[in-house]
Amino acid sequence: MMDIIKSIIVWLIGICFVVLTFPLTLIIWLLVFPFDREKVVIHWFLMYQSLFLSLLIPIWRIHIEGREKAVKGTTYVIISNHQSILDILLINCLRYKFKWISKIENISLPLLGWYLRMADYIIVDRGNEESKTEMLEKSYNCLKKGISIMIFPEGTRLLDNKIGFFKRGAFQLALQADVPILPVLIDGTGGILPKHGLIFSSGHHIRIKVLDPIHPASFGTDNPENLAQQLSIFMASRLNELRAKDNPS
């Protein structure tokens, strides 16, 4: 019962926040639209909105580690494991310059879809080969312009909060553009709001840990599928280490 009451409070905070901030976001988007071709201004505005909203919500503690490992002026393919839709909000709290790669299903969501369009993030229909090719082209162009991309290589949220199979797209881009991969671990969000869930549970400690950048060549392969597999194993190992540190036996 307490989780239901707390969930109502969280949803009310989120709805009120959106009602208050969306008109301002829209005004800023309209004002900068003629000259902000890469939608950098609206991206930063969304980053700080995410940070502020995450601090308003009283049901979790957030610990961010290693944010400084992303060197200013360096372009990355940023990857993260995926436990909950909350991951989007919390990854934004890192306040990096990037373009999200999002599945097309998110476009239909009332809030998320609007912001995806306003920030000109990259959309992909995972069941459409032409769409995936277009996504890779847009992402590659962003990397060459010095804009990092952010992607969940698992492609979906897992129910067991483990790290699953990584798809090859992110790693193909890192190899083609010759840019480092920036791995980000996130843990704790799956216990707060699991996949398809609406009820928030409280008292959770969310950990976001930015790992050292990795150049694809350091794994000794130019095969994106092989690289995806190695990074999946590597991040699963580091996630286990993170959990062991938080819960020593």
Protein backbone atom coordinates (compact mmCIF):
# COMPACT_ATOMS: atom_id res chain seq x y z
CA MET A 1 0.00 0.00 0.00
CA MET A 2 2.86 2.39 0.83
CA ASP A 3 4.39 1.76 -2.60
CA ILE A 4 1.08 2.70 -4.24
CA ILE A 5 0.88 5.94 -2.25
CA LYS A 6 4.50 6.78 -3.05
CA SER A 7 3.90 5.96 -6.72
CA ILE A 8 0.99 8.38 -6.85
CA ILE A 9 3.25 11.07 -5.38
CA VAL A 10 6.01 10.33 -7.90
CA TRP A 11 3.62 10.41 -10.85
CA LEU A 12 2.13 13.69 -9.60
CA ILE A 13 5.61 15.21 -9.29
CA GLY A 14 6.46 14.07 -12.81
CA ILE A 15 3.20 15.31 -14.33
CA CYS A 16 3.41 18.69 -12.58
CA PHE A 17 7.03 19.06 -13.66
CA VAL A 18 6.13 18.41 -17.29
CA VAL A 19 3.13 20.76 -17.20
CA LEU A 20 5.35 23.52 -15.86
CA THR A 21 8.44 22.95 -18.02
CA PHE A 22 7.09 21.82 -21.39
CA PRO A 23 5.79 25.28 -22.43
CA LEU A 24 9.19 26.79 -21.61
CA THR A 25 10.93 23.98 -23.50
CA LEU A 26 8.71 24.62 -26.51
CA ILE A 27 9.38 28.38 -26.42
CA ILE A 28 13.15 27.82 -26.26
CA TRP A 29 12.94 25.28 -29.09
CA LEU A 30 11.06 27.80 -31.27
CA LEU A 31 13.48 30.62 -30.45
CA VAL A 32 16.64 28.67 -31.29
CA PHE A 33 15.19 26.63 -34.16
CA PRO A 34 16.47 28.94 -36.97
CA PHE A 35 20.14 28.74 -35.96
CA ASP A 36 20.55 25.69 -33.69
CA ARG A 37 20.92 23.17 -36.51
CA GLU A 38 22.23 20.35 -34.31
CA LYS A 39 19.65 21.07 -31.54
CA VAL A 40 22.45 21.50 -29.01
CA VAL A 41 20.58 24.10 -26.97
CA ILE A 42 17.47 21.99 -26.53
CA HIS A 43 19.62 18.95 -25.72
CA TRP A 44 21.34 20.78 -22.84
CA PHE A 45 18.01 22.12 -21.61
CA LEU A 46 16.66 18.55 -21.47
CA MET A 47 19.78 17.36 -19.66
CA TYR A 48 19.34 19.87 -16.85
CA GLN A 49 15.61 19.21 -16.68
CA SER A 50 16.40 15.53 -16.15
CA LEU A 51 18.90 16.34 -13.41
CA PHE A 52 16.45 18.61 -11.60
CA LEU A 53 13.58 16.11 -11.87
CA SER A 54 15.76 13.26 -10.59
CA LEU A 55 16.60 15.36 -7.51
CA LEU A 56 12.92 16.17 -6.89
CA ILE A 57 11.86 12.53 -6.66
CA PRO A 58 12.23 11.39 -3.02
CA ILE A 59 12.21 7.60 -3.37
CA TRP A 60 15.82 6.93 -4.36
CA ARG A 61 19.45 7.83 -3.71
CA ILE A 62 21.63 8.42 -6.77
CA HIS A 63 25.39 7.98 -6.79
CA ILE A 64 27.31 8.96 -9.94
CA GLU A 65 30.92 7.90 -10.32
CA GLY A 66 33.44 8.56 -13.08
CA ARG A 67 31.65 11.33 -14.94
CA GLU A 68 35.01 13.03 -15.52
CA LYS A 69 36.25 10.06 -17.56
CA ALA A 70 34.57 11.50 -20.64
CA VAL A 71 37.24 13.92 -21.83
CA LYS A 72 35.82 17.21 -23.02
CA GLY A 73 36.15 17.57 -26.78
CA THR A 74 36.39 13.81 -27.39
CA THR A 75 33.67 12.05 -29.36
CA TYR A 76 32.38 8.69 -28.09
CA VAL A 77 29.98 5.92 -28.80
CA ILE A 78 28.39 5.81 -25.34
CA ILE A 79 26.81 2.51 -24.33
CA SER A 80 24.91 1.47 -21.23
CA ASN A 81 23.06 -1.53 -19.89
CA HIS A 82 19.28 -1.12 -19.64
CA GLN A 83 17.07 -2.06 -16.69
CA SER A 84 14.18 0.41 -16.71
CA ILE A 85 12.69 3.32 -18.63
CA LEU A 86 14.12 5.42 -15.78
CA ASP A 87 17.56 4.80 -17.29
CA ILE A 88 16.85 7.49 -19.89
CA LEU A 89 16.21 10.11 -17.22
CA LEU A 90 19.27 9.10 -15.22
CA ILE A 91 21.73 8.78 -18.12
CA ASN A 92 20.77 12.36 -18.98
CA CYS A 93 22.03 13.36 -15.53
CA LEU A 94 25.57 12.73 -16.80
CA ARG A 95 25.11 15.88 -18.91
CA TYR A 96 27.19 14.79 -21.87
CA LYS A 97 26.85 16.15 -25.39
CA PHE A 98 25.28 13.35 -27.43
CA LYS A 99 22.42 12.22 -29.61
CA TRP A 100 20.17 9.47 -28.28
CA ILE A 101 19.44 6.54 -30.55
CA SER A 102 15.88 5.50 -29.76
CA LYS A 103 13.55 2.79 -30.98
CA ILE A 104 10.63 4.02 -33.06
CA GLU A 105 8.07 2.84 -30.48
CA ASN A 106 9.10 5.71 -28.18
CA ILE A 107 7.89 8.28 -30.72
CA SER A 108 4.28 7.49 -29.83
CA LEU A 109 4.79 8.20 -26.10
CA PRO A 110 3.23 11.57 -25.17
CA LEU A 111 6.26 13.12 -23.46
CA LEU A 112 9.26 11.15 -24.61
CA GLY A 113 8.17 11.24 -28.24
CA TRP A 114 7.82 15.02 -28.25
CA TYR A 115 11.28 15.53 -26.81
CA LEU A 116 12.83 13.02 -29.20
CA ARG A 117 11.55 15.11 -32.11
CA MET A 118 12.45 18.47 -30.58
CA ALA A 119 16.05 17.42 -29.91
CA ASP A 120 16.30 15.72 -33.31
CA TYR A 121 17.48 12.46 -31.78
CA ILE A 122 18.02 9.46 -34.02
CA ILE A 123 15.10 7.06 -34.43
CA VAL A 124 15.35 3.47 -35.63
CA ASP A 125 12.74 0.90 -36.56
CA ARG A 126 14.48 -2.27 -35.47
CA GLY A 127 12.38 -4.43 -37.79
CA ASN A 128 13.20 -2.38 -40.88
CA GLU A 129 16.60 -2.86 -42.56
CA GLU A 130 16.32 0.45 -44.43
CA SER A 131 15.67 2.28 -41.15
CA LYS A 132 18.67 0.61 -39.50
CA THR A 133 20.90 1.64 -42.41
CA GLU A 134 19.62 5.22 -42.16
CA MET A 135 20.26 5.19 -38.39
CA LEU A 136 23.86 4.08 -38.93
CA GLU A 137 24.40 6.82 -41.53
CA LYS A 138 22.97 9.56 -39.30
CA SER A 139 24.95 8.32 -36.32
CA TYR A 140 28.18 8.16 -38.32
CA ASN A 141 27.62 11.75 -39.52
CA CYS A 142 27.11 12.88 -35.91
CA LEU A 143 30.34 11.23 -34.82
CA LYS A 144 32.23 12.90 -37.65
CA LYS A 145 30.79 16.27 -36.55
CA GLY A 146 32.10 15.69 -33.03
CA ILE A 147 28.75 14.73 -31.50
CA SER A 148 28.74 11.54 -29.45
CA ILE A 149 25.90 9.06 -29.71
CA MET A 150 24.20 7.25 -26.84
CA ILE A 151 22.70 3.79 -27.27
CA PHE A 152 21.48 0.84 -25.24
CA PRO A 153 23.13 -2.02 -27.17
CA GLU A 154 20.83 -4.62 -25.60
CA GLY A 155 17.99 -2.88 -27.46
CA THR A 156 15.45 -3.52 -24.70
CA ARG A 157 15.06 -3.74 -20.93
CA LEU A 158 15.69 -7.11 -19.33
CA LEU A 159 13.50 -8.49 -16.56
CA ASP A 160 16.33 -10.04 -14.52
CA ASN A 161 18.49 -6.86 -14.35
CA LYS A 162 21.44 -8.73 -15.83
CA ILE A 163 23.34 -7.68 -18.94
CA GLY A 164 22.10 -9.44 -22.03
CA PHE A 165 23.21 -9.87 -25.63
CA PHE A 166 24.62 -6.72 -27.26
CA LYS A 167 23.57 -5.92 -30.82
CA ARG A 168 26.32 -4.98 -33.24
CA GLY A 169 25.23 -1.46 -34.33
CA ALA A 170 27.06 0.60 -31.70
CA PHE A 171 30.28 -1.32 -32.24
CA GLN A 172 30.07 -1.12 -36.00
CA LEU A 173 29.87 2.67 -35.63
CA ALA A 174 32.85 2.83 -33.27
CA LEU A 175 34.93 0.81 -35.71
CA GLN A 176 33.85 2.77 -38.79
CA ALA A 177 34.28 6.21 -37.21
CA ASP A 178 37.41 5.15 -35.30
CA VAL A 179 36.16 6.62 -32.00
CA PRO A 180 36.40 5.22 -28.48
CA ILE A 181 33.55 3.48 -26.69
CA LEU A 182 32.46 4.96 -23.35
CA PRO A 183 30.81 2.23 -21.24
CA VAL A 184 28.32 3.30 -18.56
CA LEU A 185 26.95 0.94 -15.92
CA ILE A 186 23.60 1.65 -14.29
CA ASP A 187 22.17 -0.46 -11.49
CA GLY A 188 19.15 -0.21 -9.23
CA THR A 189 16.55 1.18 -11.61
CA GLY A 190 15.06 -2.21 -12.45
CA GLY A 191 14.07 -2.68 -8.82
CA ILE A 192 12.34 0.70 -8.71
CA LEU A 193 10.28 0.49 -11.90
CA PRO A 194 10.57 -2.82 -13.76
CA LYS A 195 9.61 -3.35 -17.39
CA HIS A 196 5.86 -2.79 -17.97
CA GLY A 197 5.49 -1.63 -14.36
CA LEU A 198 3.68 1.47 -13.09
CA ILE A 199 4.24 1.08 -9.34
CA PHE A 200 7.46 2.54 -7.97
CA SER A 201 9.22 0.87 -5.07
CA SER A 202 11.34 3.04 -2.81
CA GLY A 203 14.48 2.85 -0.73
CA HIS A 204 16.72 1.93 -3.65
CA HIS A 205 20.28 3.06 -4.25
CA ILE A 206 20.92 3.84 -7.91
CA ARG A 207 24.52 3.54 -9.06
CA ILE A 208 25.75 5.11 -12.30
CA LYS A 209 29.38 4.36 -13.04
CA VAL A 210 31.25 5.62 -16.08
CA LEU A 211 34.05 3.22 -16.96
CA ASP A 212 37.30 4.07 -18.70
CA PRO A 213 36.94 4.79 -22.43
CA ILE A 214 37.87 1.83 -24.59
CA HIS A 215 39.27 2.03 -28.09
CA PRO A 216 37.93 -0.83 -30.23
CA ALA A 217 41.47 -1.76 -31.32
CA SER A 218 42.31 -2.73 -27.73
CA PHE A 219 40.07 -5.80 -28.10
CA GLY A 220 42.10 -7.03 -31.06
CA THR A 221 39.20 -7.36 -33.50
CA ASP A 222 37.60 -5.43 -36.33
CA ASN A 223 34.49 -7.61 -36.30
CA PRO A 224 31.59 -5.68 -34.74
CA GLU A 225 29.77 -8.84 -33.63
CA ASN A 226 32.90 -10.11 -31.89
CA LEU A 227 33.43 -6.70 -30.30
CA ALA A 228 29.80 -6.63 -29.12
CA GLN A 229 30.21 -10.02 -27.47
CA GLN A 230 33.45 -9.04 -25.74
CA LEU A 231 31.98 -5.76 -24.43
CA SER A 232 28.89 -7.58 -23.18
CA ILE A 233 31.07 -9.99 -21.18
CA PHE A 234 33.29 -7.15 -19.96
CA MET A 235 30.38 -5.00 -18.73
CA ALA A 236 28.64 -7.97 -17.10
CA SER A 237 31.84 -8.64 -15.17
CA ARG A 238 32.15 -5.02 -14.08
CA LEU A 239 28.49 -4.94 -13.03
CA ASN A 240 29.08 -7.98 -10.83
CA GLU A 241 32.09 -6.22 -9.30
CA LEU A 242 29.98 -3.13 -8.63
CA ARG A 243 27.31 -5.18 -6.91
CA ALA A 244 29.86 -7.12 -4.88
CA LYS A 245 31.35 -3.85 -3.67
CA ASP A 246 27.94 -2.60 -2.57
CA ASN A 247 26.98 -5.93 -0.95
CA PRO A 248 30.13 -7.57 0.45
CA SER A 249 29.57 -11.09 1.78
